[in-house]
Amino acid sequence: MGYTTVLVDDARDKLIRRQQETIRQQQEVILRQQGVIEHLQAQVAQLEERIGQAESGKGKPKGMPGNKIQAAKLPAEKAPRKKRERNFVRVRSVPTHRVEHAVSECEGCGTRLTHGSVKRTREVIEVPLLPATVTEHVFIERRCVKCGKRCVPKDVLGDVATGKSRLGVGLQSLIASLREVGRLPIVE
């Protein structure tokens, strides 16, 4: 029994020494933090003094008129808005498709519903993504019956494709727009 009491006393003494060391370290940290707080409070006081001087006009910067500190303008009472001669609203487009949304049964009792009136409309504009079209331009060589010369039409695809590229002008412009405006990468 005496041996266990010594072990417990040693463990308790070690715990107390560790706690005392931790308390000493924390007190050092607190003293350092108090020094930092005092330093920051002194800086705040200096900055508030400079702001007070700037607002009173003693410390106004000199130079170009645009660079001077302007006094804060108080918001004036708003005048009533001027009536326009013409409304500036987006004009609705002529729809190419119309989809009607209606409830077929009453949500409360389940009775079948018919007819009805338009409650609201909403216009949705969408660009359809169509599959790519591949057009094969065939240049046919013909032989003159009179002189025997072979004639091939000139390459007149300037408005369809540029140079010897397989990509059409529309596809090239879409790729350029996605690259420059959309910032999309070019994948090889």
N, C-alpha and C. Protein backbone atom coordinates (compact mmCIF):
# COMPACT_ATOMS: atom_id res chain seq x y z
N MET A 1 0.82 -1.19 0.00
CA MET A 1 0.00 0.00 0.00
C MET A 1 0.86 1.25 0.00
N GLY A 2 2.01 1.17 0.64
CA GLY A 2 2.89 2.32 0.68
C GLY A 2 3.48 2.63 -0.69
N TYR A 3 3.73 1.55 -1.49
CA TYR A 3 4.32 1.73 -2.81
C TYR A 3 3.35 2.45 -3.75
N THR A 4 2.07 2.10 -3.73
CA THR A 4 1.08 2.74 -4.59
C THR A 4 0.87 4.19 -4.19
N THR A 5 0.99 4.49 -2.90
CA THR A 5 0.84 5.86 -2.46
C THR A 5 1.97 6.72 -3.01
N VAL A 6 3.18 6.19 -3.07
CA VAL A 6 4.34 6.92 -3.61
C VAL A 6 4.15 7.17 -5.10
N LEU A 7 3.65 6.14 -5.82
CA LEU A 7 3.42 6.30 -7.26
C LEU A 7 2.37 7.37 -7.52
N VAL A 8 1.31 7.36 -6.75
CA VAL A 8 0.25 8.35 -6.92
C VAL A 8 0.79 9.74 -6.61
N ASP A 9 1.61 9.85 -5.53
CA ASP A 9 2.18 11.14 -5.16
C ASP A 9 3.13 11.64 -6.26
N ASP A 10 3.95 10.74 -6.85
CA ASP A 10 4.85 11.13 -7.95
C ASP A 10 4.06 11.60 -9.16
N ALA A 11 3.02 10.87 -9.50
CA ALA A 11 2.20 11.25 -10.65
C ALA A 11 1.53 12.59 -10.41
N ARG A 12 1.04 12.80 -9.18
CA ARG A 12 0.40 14.06 -8.85
C ARG A 12 1.42 15.21 -8.92
N ASP A 13 2.64 14.99 -8.42
CA ASP A 13 3.68 16.02 -8.46
C ASP A 13 4.05 16.35 -9.90
N LYS A 14 4.17 15.32 -10.76
CA LYS A 14 4.49 15.56 -12.18
C LYS A 14 3.38 16.37 -12.84
N LEU A 15 2.13 16.03 -12.55
CA LEU A 15 0.99 16.74 -13.12
C LEU A 15 1.00 18.20 -12.67
N ILE A 16 1.28 18.42 -11.39
CA ILE A 16 1.31 19.79 -10.87
C ILE A 16 2.43 20.58 -11.52
N ARG A 17 3.63 19.95 -11.69
CA ARG A 17 4.75 20.65 -12.35
C ARG A 17 4.41 20.98 -13.80
N ARG A 18 3.76 20.05 -14.51
CA ARG A 18 3.37 20.34 -15.90
C ARG A 18 2.36 21.46 -15.96
N GLN A 19 1.41 21.46 -15.06
CA GLN A 19 0.41 22.53 -15.04
C GLN A 19 1.06 23.87 -14.71
N GLN A 20 2.01 23.87 -13.76
CA GLN A 20 2.69 25.12 -13.41
C GLN A 20 3.51 25.64 -14.60
N GLU A 21 4.16 24.74 -15.35
CA GLU A 21 4.93 25.14 -16.54
C GLU A 21 3.99 25.69 -17.61
N THR A 22 2.86 25.04 -17.79
CA THR A 22 1.88 25.53 -18.77
C THR A 22 1.36 26.91 -18.38
N ILE A 23 1.09 27.11 -17.09
CA ILE A 23 0.61 28.41 -16.62
C ILE A 23 1.67 29.47 -16.84
N ARG A 24 2.95 29.13 -16.60
CA ARG A 24 4.04 30.10 -16.79
C ARG A 24 4.15 30.48 -18.28
N GLN A 25 4.05 29.49 -19.16
CA GLN A 25 4.12 29.76 -20.60
C GLN A 25 2.94 30.62 -21.04
N GLN A 26 1.76 30.34 -20.53
CA GLN A 26 0.58 31.12 -20.90
C GLN A 26 0.69 32.56 -20.41
N GLN A 27 1.29 32.74 -19.23
CA GLN A 27 1.48 34.10 -18.71
C GLN A 27 2.46 34.88 -19.59
N GLU A 28 3.49 34.21 -20.10
CA GLU A 28 4.43 34.86 -21.02
C GLU A 28 3.72 35.28 -22.30
N VAL A 29 2.88 34.39 -22.83
CA VAL A 29 2.13 34.70 -24.06
C VAL A 29 1.21 35.89 -23.80
N ILE A 30 0.56 35.91 -22.66
CA ILE A 30 -0.35 37.01 -22.33
C ILE A 30 0.41 38.32 -22.26
N LEU A 31 1.59 38.32 -21.66
CA LEU A 31 2.39 39.55 -21.58
C LEU A 31 2.79 40.03 -22.97
N ARG A 32 3.21 39.09 -23.84
CA ARG A 32 3.58 39.49 -25.22
C ARG A 32 2.36 40.06 -25.95
N GLN A 33 1.20 39.41 -25.81
CA GLN A 33 -0.01 39.87 -26.48
C GLN A 33 -0.44 41.25 -25.96
N GLN A 34 -0.27 41.50 -24.68
CA GLN A 34 -0.60 42.81 -24.13
C GLN A 34 0.29 43.88 -24.74
N GLY A 35 1.58 43.55 -24.97
CA GLY A 35 2.49 44.49 -25.63
C GLY A 35 2.05 44.79 -27.06
N VAL A 36 1.64 43.75 -27.77
CA VAL A 36 1.16 43.92 -29.14
C VAL A 36 -0.10 44.78 -29.15
N ILE A 37 -1.01 44.53 -28.21
CA ILE A 37 -2.27 45.30 -28.14
C ILE A 37 -1.97 46.76 -27.88
N GLU A 38 -1.04 47.05 -26.97
CA GLU A 38 -0.68 48.45 -26.69
C GLU A 38 -0.09 49.12 -27.91
N HIS A 39 0.76 48.39 -28.65
CA HIS A 39 1.36 48.94 -29.87
C HIS A 39 0.28 49.24 -30.91
N LEU A 40 -0.67 48.31 -31.10
CA LEU A 40 -1.75 48.51 -32.08
C LEU A 40 -2.68 49.65 -31.67
N GLN A 41 -2.93 49.78 -30.36
CA GLN A 41 -3.77 50.88 -29.90
C GLN A 41 -3.09 52.22 -30.17
N ALA A 42 -1.76 52.28 -30.02
CA ALA A 42 -1.03 53.51 -30.33
C ALA A 42 -1.14 53.83 -31.82
N GLN A 43 -1.04 52.81 -32.69
CA GLN A 43 -1.17 53.03 -34.13
C GLN A 43 -2.57 53.51 -34.48
N VAL A 44 -3.58 52.93 -33.86
CA VAL A 44 -4.96 53.35 -34.12
C VAL A 44 -5.14 54.81 -33.73
N ALA A 45 -4.58 55.20 -32.60
CA ALA A 45 -4.69 56.59 -32.16
C ALA A 45 -4.02 57.52 -33.15
N GLN A 46 -2.84 57.15 -33.67
CA GLN A 46 -2.15 57.98 -34.66
C GLN A 46 -2.99 58.11 -35.93
N LEU A 47 -3.55 56.99 -36.40
CA LEU A 47 -4.36 57.03 -37.62
C LEU A 47 -5.63 57.85 -37.43
N GLU A 48 -6.26 57.74 -36.27
CA GLU A 48 -7.44 58.54 -36.01
C GLU A 48 -7.09 60.02 -35.99
N GLU A 49 -5.92 60.36 -35.47
CA GLU A 49 -5.48 61.76 -35.45
C GLU A 49 -5.26 62.26 -36.88
N ARG A 50 -4.67 61.41 -37.74
CA ARG A 50 -4.45 61.81 -39.13
C ARG A 50 -5.78 61.98 -39.86
N ILE A 51 -6.75 61.12 -39.57
CA ILE A 51 -8.06 61.24 -40.20
C ILE A 51 -8.73 62.53 -39.75
N GLY A 52 -8.61 62.83 -38.47
CA GLY A 52 -9.19 64.08 -37.97
C GLY A 52 -8.58 65.29 -38.64
N GLN A 53 -7.26 65.28 -38.87
CA GLN A 53 -6.60 66.39 -39.55
C GLN A 53 -7.07 66.50 -40.99
N ALA A 54 -7.22 65.35 -41.66
CA ALA A 54 -7.65 65.38 -43.05
C ALA A 54 -9.08 65.90 -43.17
N GLU A 55 -9.94 65.53 -42.23
CA GLU A 55 -11.33 65.99 -42.29
C GLU A 55 -11.44 67.46 -41.94
N SER A 56 -10.56 67.96 -41.07
CA SER A 56 -10.64 69.38 -40.68
C SER A 56 -10.04 70.28 -41.74
N GLY A 57 -9.25 69.72 -42.67
CA GLY A 57 -8.71 70.53 -43.74
C GLY A 57 -7.26 70.92 -43.53
N LYS A 58 -6.68 70.60 -42.39
CA LYS A 58 -5.29 70.98 -42.14
C LYS A 58 -4.34 70.15 -42.99
N GLY A 59 -4.63 68.92 -43.16
CA GLY A 59 -3.70 68.04 -43.85
C GLY A 59 -4.15 67.66 -45.24
N LYS A 60 -4.85 68.56 -45.94
CA LYS A 60 -5.35 68.23 -47.28
C LYS A 60 -4.19 68.08 -48.25
N PRO A 61 -4.23 67.05 -49.09
CA PRO A 61 -3.16 66.89 -50.07
C PRO A 61 -3.24 67.96 -51.13
N LYS A 62 -2.07 68.32 -51.66
CA LYS A 62 -2.01 69.32 -52.72
C LYS A 62 -1.75 68.60 -54.03
N GLY A 63 -2.09 69.23 -55.12
CA GLY A 63 -1.87 68.61 -56.41
C GLY A 63 -3.05 68.88 -57.32
N MET A 64 -3.30 67.95 -58.22
CA MET A 64 -4.38 68.12 -59.18
C MET A 64 -5.72 68.06 -58.47
N PRO A 65 -6.71 68.81 -58.98
CA PRO A 65 -8.02 68.82 -58.33
C PRO A 65 -8.67 67.45 -58.24
N GLY A 66 -8.42 66.59 -59.19
CA GLY A 66 -9.05 65.27 -59.18
C GLY A 66 -8.48 64.36 -58.11
N ASN A 67 -7.31 64.67 -57.59
CA ASN A 67 -6.67 63.80 -56.61
C ASN A 67 -6.97 64.20 -55.18
N LYS A 68 -7.65 65.29 -54.95
CA LYS A 68 -7.93 65.73 -53.60
C LYS A 68 -9.09 64.94 -53.00
N ILE A 69 -9.07 64.85 -51.69
CA ILE A 69 -10.14 64.14 -50.99
C ILE A 69 -11.40 64.99 -51.04
N GLN A 70 -12.47 64.39 -51.53
CA GLN A 70 -13.74 65.10 -51.64
C GLN A 70 -14.56 64.87 -50.38
N ALA A 71 -15.25 65.88 -49.95
CA ALA A 71 -16.14 65.73 -48.79
C ALA A 71 -17.29 64.81 -49.18
N ALA A 72 -17.71 64.00 -48.25
CA ALA A 72 -18.79 63.06 -48.52
C ALA A 72 -20.07 63.83 -48.82
N LYS A 73 -20.70 63.48 -49.93
CA LYS A 73 -21.94 64.15 -50.33
C LYS A 73 -23.11 63.43 -49.69
N LEU A 74 -23.98 64.18 -49.11
CA LEU A 74 -25.19 63.60 -48.52
C LEU A 74 -26.20 63.35 -49.63
N PRO A 75 -26.88 62.22 -49.58
CA PRO A 75 -27.85 61.95 -50.64
C PRO A 75 -29.01 62.94 -50.58
N ALA A 76 -29.28 63.54 -51.74
CA ALA A 76 -30.38 64.50 -51.82
C ALA A 76 -31.69 63.73 -51.97
N GLU A 77 -32.78 64.41 -51.70
CA GLU A 77 -34.07 63.78 -51.87
C GLU A 77 -34.30 63.52 -53.35
N LYS A 78 -34.77 62.33 -53.66
CA LYS A 78 -34.96 61.97 -55.06
C LYS A 78 -36.18 62.69 -55.63
N ALA A 79 -35.98 63.22 -56.82
CA ALA A 79 -37.09 63.87 -57.52
C ALA A 79 -37.92 62.77 -58.17
N PRO A 80 -39.19 63.00 -58.38
CA PRO A 80 -40.01 61.98 -59.04
C PRO A 80 -39.48 61.72 -60.45
N ARG A 81 -39.55 60.49 -60.88
CA ARG A 81 -39.03 60.10 -62.17
C ARG A 81 -39.80 60.75 -63.31
N LYS A 82 -39.05 61.18 -64.32
CA LYS A 82 -39.66 61.81 -65.48
C LYS A 82 -40.39 60.76 -66.31
N LYS A 83 -41.60 61.08 -66.73
CA LYS A 83 -42.38 60.16 -67.55
C LYS A 83 -41.79 60.10 -68.95
N ARG A 84 -41.68 58.90 -69.48
CA ARG A 84 -41.12 58.73 -70.81
C ARG A 84 -42.23 58.78 -71.86
N GLU A 85 -41.84 59.22 -73.04
CA GLU A 85 -42.80 59.25 -74.13
C GLU A 85 -43.09 57.84 -74.63
N ARG A 86 -42.05 56.99 -74.56
CA ARG A 86 -42.17 55.65 -75.09
C ARG A 86 -41.56 54.67 -74.10
N ASN A 87 -42.18 53.52 -73.92
CA ASN A 87 -41.63 52.52 -73.02
C ASN A 87 -40.44 51.83 -73.67
N PHE A 88 -39.45 51.55 -72.87
CA PHE A 88 -38.28 50.84 -73.36
C PHE A 88 -38.29 49.43 -72.76
N VAL A 89 -39.02 48.55 -73.40
CA VAL A 89 -39.10 47.17 -72.95
C VAL A 89 -38.71 46.27 -74.12
N ARG A 90 -38.31 45.06 -73.81
CA ARG A 90 -37.93 44.12 -74.85
C ARG A 90 -39.19 43.64 -75.56
N VAL A 91 -39.19 43.76 -76.87
CA VAL A 91 -40.32 43.34 -77.68
C VAL A 91 -40.28 41.82 -77.79
N ARG A 92 -41.42 41.20 -77.61
CA ARG A 92 -41.47 39.74 -77.71
C ARG A 92 -41.31 39.30 -79.16
N SER A 93 -40.59 38.20 -79.32
CA SER A 93 -40.39 37.63 -80.65
C SER A 93 -41.61 36.82 -81.07
N VAL A 94 -41.69 36.55 -82.35
CA VAL A 94 -42.76 35.68 -82.85
C VAL A 94 -42.34 34.26 -82.51
N PRO A 95 -43.16 33.52 -81.75
CA PRO A 95 -42.74 32.17 -81.34
C PRO A 95 -42.73 31.20 -82.51
N THR A 96 -41.73 30.31 -82.51
CA THR A 96 -41.67 29.27 -83.53
C THR A 96 -42.38 28.01 -83.05
N HIS A 97 -42.46 27.83 -81.74
CA HIS A 97 -43.20 26.71 -81.15
C HIS A 97 -44.00 27.24 -79.97
N ARG A 98 -45.09 26.54 -79.66
CA ARG A 98 -45.88 26.91 -78.49
C ARG A 98 -46.18 25.65 -77.70
N VAL A 99 -45.84 25.68 -76.43
CA VAL A 99 -46.11 24.55 -75.55
C VAL A 99 -47.08 25.03 -74.49
N GLU A 100 -48.20 24.33 -74.38
CA GLU A 100 -49.20 24.71 -73.39
C GLU A 100 -49.07 23.81 -72.17
N HIS A 101 -49.04 24.44 -70.99
CA HIS A 101 -48.94 23.71 -69.73
C HIS A 101 -50.26 23.88 -68.99
N ALA A 102 -50.88 22.79 -68.63
CA ALA A 102 -52.15 22.84 -67.91
C ALA A 102 -52.25 21.63 -66.99
N VAL A 103 -53.01 21.81 -65.93
CA VAL A 103 -53.25 20.72 -64.98
C VAL A 103 -54.49 19.97 -65.47
N SER A 104 -54.40 18.62 -65.49
CA SER A 104 -55.54 17.85 -66.01
C SER A 104 -56.54 17.50 -64.93
N GLU A 105 -56.10 17.47 -63.66
CA GLU A 105 -57.01 17.14 -62.56
C GLU A 105 -56.85 18.15 -61.44
N CYS A 106 -57.94 18.40 -60.71
CA CYS A 106 -57.92 19.31 -59.57
C CYS A 106 -57.00 18.73 -58.50
N GLU A 107 -56.11 19.55 -58.00
CA GLU A 107 -55.17 19.08 -56.97
C GLU A 107 -55.88 18.79 -55.65
N GLY A 108 -57.01 19.40 -55.43
CA GLY A 108 -57.74 19.22 -54.18
C GLY A 108 -58.63 17.98 -54.18
N CYS A 109 -59.49 17.86 -55.20
CA CYS A 109 -60.49 16.78 -55.18
C CYS A 109 -60.31 15.75 -56.28
N GLY A 110 -59.46 16.02 -57.28
CA GLY A 110 -59.22 15.05 -58.34
C GLY A 110 -60.17 15.13 -59.50
N THR A 111 -61.04 16.15 -59.58
CA THR A 111 -61.99 16.29 -60.68
C THR A 111 -61.24 16.65 -61.95
N ARG A 112 -61.69 16.08 -63.09
CA ARG A 112 -61.06 16.36 -64.39
C ARG A 112 -61.34 17.81 -64.78
N LEU A 113 -60.28 18.52 -65.24
CA LEU A 113 -60.40 19.93 -65.61
C LEU A 113 -60.31 20.08 -67.12
N THR A 114 -61.11 21.03 -67.68
CA THR A 114 -61.08 21.31 -69.12
C THR A 114 -61.08 22.81 -69.33
N HIS A 115 -60.81 23.22 -70.54
CA HIS A 115 -60.79 24.61 -70.98
C HIS A 115 -59.81 25.43 -70.13
N GLY A 116 -60.13 26.65 -69.81
CA GLY A 116 -59.26 27.50 -69.01
C GLY A 116 -58.86 28.76 -69.75
N SER A 117 -58.19 29.63 -69.06
CA SER A 117 -57.73 30.88 -69.66
C SER A 117 -56.23 31.03 -69.38
N VAL A 118 -55.58 31.86 -70.18
CA VAL A 118 -54.13 32.06 -70.05
C VAL A 118 -53.87 32.87 -68.78
N LYS A 119 -53.06 32.33 -67.91
CA LYS A 119 -52.70 33.01 -66.67
C LYS A 119 -51.44 33.86 -66.89
N ARG A 120 -50.43 33.28 -67.49
CA ARG A 120 -49.21 34.01 -67.80
C ARG A 120 -48.49 33.30 -68.92
N THR A 121 -47.58 34.02 -69.55
CA THR A 121 -46.76 33.43 -70.61
C THR A 121 -45.29 33.71 -70.29
N ARG A 122 -44.45 32.89 -70.83
CA ARG A 122 -43.02 33.09 -70.64
C ARG A 122 -42.33 32.72 -71.94
N GLU A 123 -41.47 33.62 -72.40
CA GLU A 123 -40.75 33.40 -73.64
C GLU A 123 -39.36 32.86 -73.30
N VAL A 124 -38.98 31.75 -73.90
CA VAL A 124 -37.65 31.17 -73.72
C VAL A 124 -36.99 31.09 -75.08
N ILE A 125 -35.82 31.72 -75.19
CA ILE A 125 -35.08 31.72 -76.44
C ILE A 125 -33.94 30.72 -76.32
N GLU A 126 -33.83 29.81 -77.26
CA GLU A 126 -32.80 28.78 -77.21
C GLU A 126 -32.23 28.59 -78.60
N VAL A 127 -30.93 28.37 -78.67
CA VAL A 127 -30.28 28.06 -79.94
C VAL A 127 -30.16 26.54 -80.01
N PRO A 128 -30.79 25.92 -81.00
CA PRO A 128 -30.74 24.46 -81.07
C PRO A 128 -29.36 23.97 -81.47
N LEU A 129 -28.91 22.89 -80.83
CA LEU A 129 -27.64 22.27 -81.19
C LEU A 129 -27.96 21.15 -82.17
N LEU A 130 -27.68 21.43 -83.42
CA LEU A 130 -27.96 20.46 -84.48
C LEU A 130 -26.72 19.63 -84.75
N PRO A 131 -26.88 18.43 -85.29
CA PRO A 131 -25.69 17.66 -85.64
C PRO A 131 -24.93 18.37 -86.76
N ALA A 132 -23.62 18.18 -86.78
CA ALA A 132 -22.79 18.82 -87.80
C ALA A 132 -23.16 18.29 -89.18
N THR A 133 -23.16 19.17 -90.16
CA THR A 133 -23.42 18.76 -91.53
C THR A 133 -22.09 18.74 -92.28
N VAL A 134 -21.85 17.66 -92.97
CA VAL A 134 -20.63 17.52 -93.77
C VAL A 134 -21.07 17.57 -95.23
N THR A 135 -20.61 18.58 -95.91
CA THR A 135 -21.00 18.75 -97.31
C THR A 135 -19.79 18.43 -98.19
N GLU A 136 -19.96 17.50 -99.10
CA GLU A 136 -18.89 17.16 -100.03
C GLU A 136 -19.10 17.96 -101.31
N HIS A 137 -18.13 18.79 -101.60
CA HIS A 137 -18.19 19.59 -102.83
C HIS A 137 -17.42 18.81 -103.91
N VAL A 138 -18.14 18.43 -104.94
CA VAL A 138 -17.56 17.61 -106.01
C VAL A 138 -17.31 18.52 -107.22
N PHE A 139 -16.05 18.54 -107.66
CA PHE A 139 -15.68 19.34 -108.83
C PHE A 139 -15.56 18.37 -110.01
N ILE A 140 -16.42 18.55 -111.00
CA ILE A 140 -16.50 17.62 -112.12
C ILE A 140 -15.73 18.19 -113.30
N GLU A 141 -14.84 17.37 -113.82
CA GLU A 141 -14.05 17.76 -114.99
C GLU A 141 -14.83 17.37 -116.25
N ARG A 142 -14.89 18.30 -117.19
CA ARG A 142 -15.58 18.01 -118.45
C ARG A 142 -14.64 18.30 -119.62
N ARG A 143 -14.86 17.57 -120.69
CA ARG A 143 -14.02 17.73 -121.87
C ARG A 143 -14.81 18.40 -122.98
N CYS A 144 -14.17 19.39 -123.56
CA CYS A 144 -14.80 20.12 -124.66
C CYS A 144 -14.87 19.20 -125.89
N VAL A 145 -16.03 19.17 -126.50
CA VAL A 145 -16.24 18.32 -127.67
C VAL A 145 -15.48 18.88 -128.87
N LYS A 146 -15.37 20.19 -128.96
CA LYS A 146 -14.77 20.83 -130.12
C LYS A 146 -13.25 20.79 -130.08
N CYS A 147 -12.64 21.29 -128.96
CA CYS A 147 -11.18 21.38 -128.92
C CYS A 147 -10.53 20.28 -128.09
N GLY A 148 -11.29 19.55 -127.31
CA GLY A 148 -10.76 18.45 -126.52
C GLY A 148 -10.13 18.88 -125.19
N LYS A 149 -10.23 20.15 -124.85
CA LYS A 149 -9.64 20.65 -123.60
C LYS A 149 -10.47 20.19 -122.42
N ARG A 150 -9.76 19.81 -121.31
CA ARG A 150 -10.43 19.41 -120.09
C ARG A 150 -10.66 20.65 -119.24
N CYS A 151 -11.91 20.82 -118.77
CA CYS A 151 -12.27 22.01 -117.99
C CYS A 151 -12.76 21.60 -116.60
N VAL A 152 -12.14 22.22 -115.57
CA VAL A 152 -12.53 21.97 -114.17
C VAL A 152 -12.96 23.32 -113.59
N PRO A 153 -14.07 23.37 -112.86
CA PRO A 153 -14.49 24.65 -112.29
C PRO A 153 -13.46 25.17 -111.29
N LYS A 154 -13.36 26.47 -111.21
CA LYS A 154 -12.45 27.11 -110.26
C LYS A 154 -12.95 26.84 -108.84
N ASP A 155 -12.03 26.85 -107.88
CA ASP A 155 -12.38 26.65 -106.47
C ASP A 155 -13.05 27.93 -105.98
N VAL A 156 -14.38 27.95 -105.97
CA VAL A 156 -15.14 29.15 -105.60
C VAL A 156 -15.79 28.97 -104.23
N LEU A 157 -15.08 28.38 -103.30
CA LEU A 157 -15.62 28.14 -101.96
C LEU A 157 -15.15 29.19 -100.96
N GLY A 158 -14.82 30.38 -101.42
CA GLY A 158 -14.32 31.43 -100.54
C GLY A 158 -15.31 31.83 -99.45
N ASP A 159 -16.60 31.78 -99.75
CA ASP A 159 -17.59 32.16 -98.74
C ASP A 159 -18.01 30.97 -97.87
N VAL A 160 -17.56 29.76 -98.21
CA VAL A 160 -17.91 28.56 -97.44
C VAL A 160 -16.75 28.10 -96.56
N ALA A 161 -15.53 28.08 -97.13
CA ALA A 161 -14.34 27.63 -96.39
C ALA A 161 -13.15 28.46 -96.86
N THR A 162 -12.17 28.62 -95.97
CA THR A 162 -10.99 29.42 -96.31
C THR A 162 -9.81 28.50 -96.59
N GLY A 163 -9.04 28.84 -97.61
CA GLY A 163 -7.84 28.07 -97.94
C GLY A 163 -8.17 26.62 -98.22
N LYS A 164 -7.33 25.71 -97.72
CA LYS A 164 -7.56 24.27 -97.92
C LYS A 164 -8.15 23.63 -96.67
N SER A 165 -8.71 24.43 -95.78
CA SER A 165 -9.26 23.93 -94.53
C SER A 165 -10.55 23.16 -94.76
N ARG A 166 -10.75 22.14 -93.96
CA ARG A 166 -12.00 21.37 -94.02
C ARG A 166 -13.11 22.05 -93.23
N LEU A 167 -12.75 22.96 -92.33
CA LEU A 167 -13.73 23.60 -91.46
C LEU A 167 -14.39 24.77 -92.17
N GLY A 168 -15.71 24.83 -92.04
CA GLY A 168 -16.44 25.92 -92.66
C GLY A 168 -16.24 27.24 -91.92
N VAL A 169 -16.62 28.32 -92.57
CA VAL A 169 -16.44 29.65 -91.99
C VAL A 169 -17.26 29.79 -90.71
N GLY A 170 -18.48 29.28 -90.68
CA GLY A 170 -19.33 29.36 -89.49
C GLY A 170 -18.73 28.60 -88.31
N LEU A 171 -18.19 27.40 -88.59
CA LEU A 171 -17.58 26.60 -87.52
C LEU A 171 -16.30 27.26 -87.02
N GLN A 172 -15.52 27.83 -87.93
CA GLN A 172 -14.29 28.52 -87.52
C GLN A 172 -14.62 29.73 -86.64
N SER A 173 -15.66 30.47 -86.98
CA SER A 173 -16.03 31.63 -86.17
C SER A 173 -16.57 31.19 -84.81
N LEU A 174 -17.31 30.07 -84.75
CA LEU A 174 -17.78 29.55 -83.47
C LEU A 174 -16.60 29.14 -82.59
N ILE A 175 -15.61 28.45 -83.17
CA ILE A 175 -14.43 28.04 -82.41
C ILE A 175 -13.68 29.26 -81.90
N ALA A 176 -13.52 30.27 -82.73
CA ALA A 176 -12.81 31.49 -82.32
C ALA A 176 -13.57 32.20 -81.20
N SER A 177 -14.90 32.25 -81.31
CA SER A 177 -15.69 32.91 -80.26
C SER A 177 -15.58 32.16 -78.94
N LEU A 178 -15.68 30.84 -78.98
CA LEU A 178 -15.57 30.06 -77.75
C LEU A 178 -14.18 30.21 -77.14
N ARG A 179 -13.17 30.32 -77.98
CA ARG A 179 -11.79 30.45 -77.48
C ARG A 179 -11.55 31.82 -76.88
N GLU A 180 -11.95 32.88 -77.57
CA GLU A 180 -11.64 34.24 -77.14
C GLU A 180 -12.62 34.76 -76.10
N VAL A 181 -13.90 34.60 -76.34
CA VAL A 181 -14.91 35.13 -75.42
C VAL A 181 -15.15 34.17 -74.26
N GLY A 182 -15.32 32.88 -74.57
CA GLY A 182 -15.60 31.89 -73.54
C GLY A 182 -14.35 31.41 -72.82
N ARG A 183 -13.16 31.77 -73.32
CA ARG A 183 -11.88 31.37 -72.71
C ARG A 183 -11.74 29.87 -72.60
N LEU A 184 -12.30 29.14 -73.59
CA LEU A 184 -12.21 27.69 -73.59
C LEU A 184 -10.88 27.27 -74.20
N PRO A 185 -10.26 26.22 -73.69
CA PRO A 185 -8.96 25.79 -74.23
C PRO A 185 -9.12 25.04 -75.55
N ILE A 186 -8.03 25.01 -76.30
CA ILE A 186 -8.00 24.23 -77.53
C ILE A 186 -7.43 22.87 -77.17
N VAL A 187 -8.20 21.82 -77.40
CA VAL A 187 -7.77 20.47 -77.06
C VAL A 187 -7.25 19.82 -78.33
N GLU A 188 -6.08 19.26 -78.21
CA GLU A 188 -5.50 18.61 -79.38
C GLU A 188 -5.60 17.11 -79.28
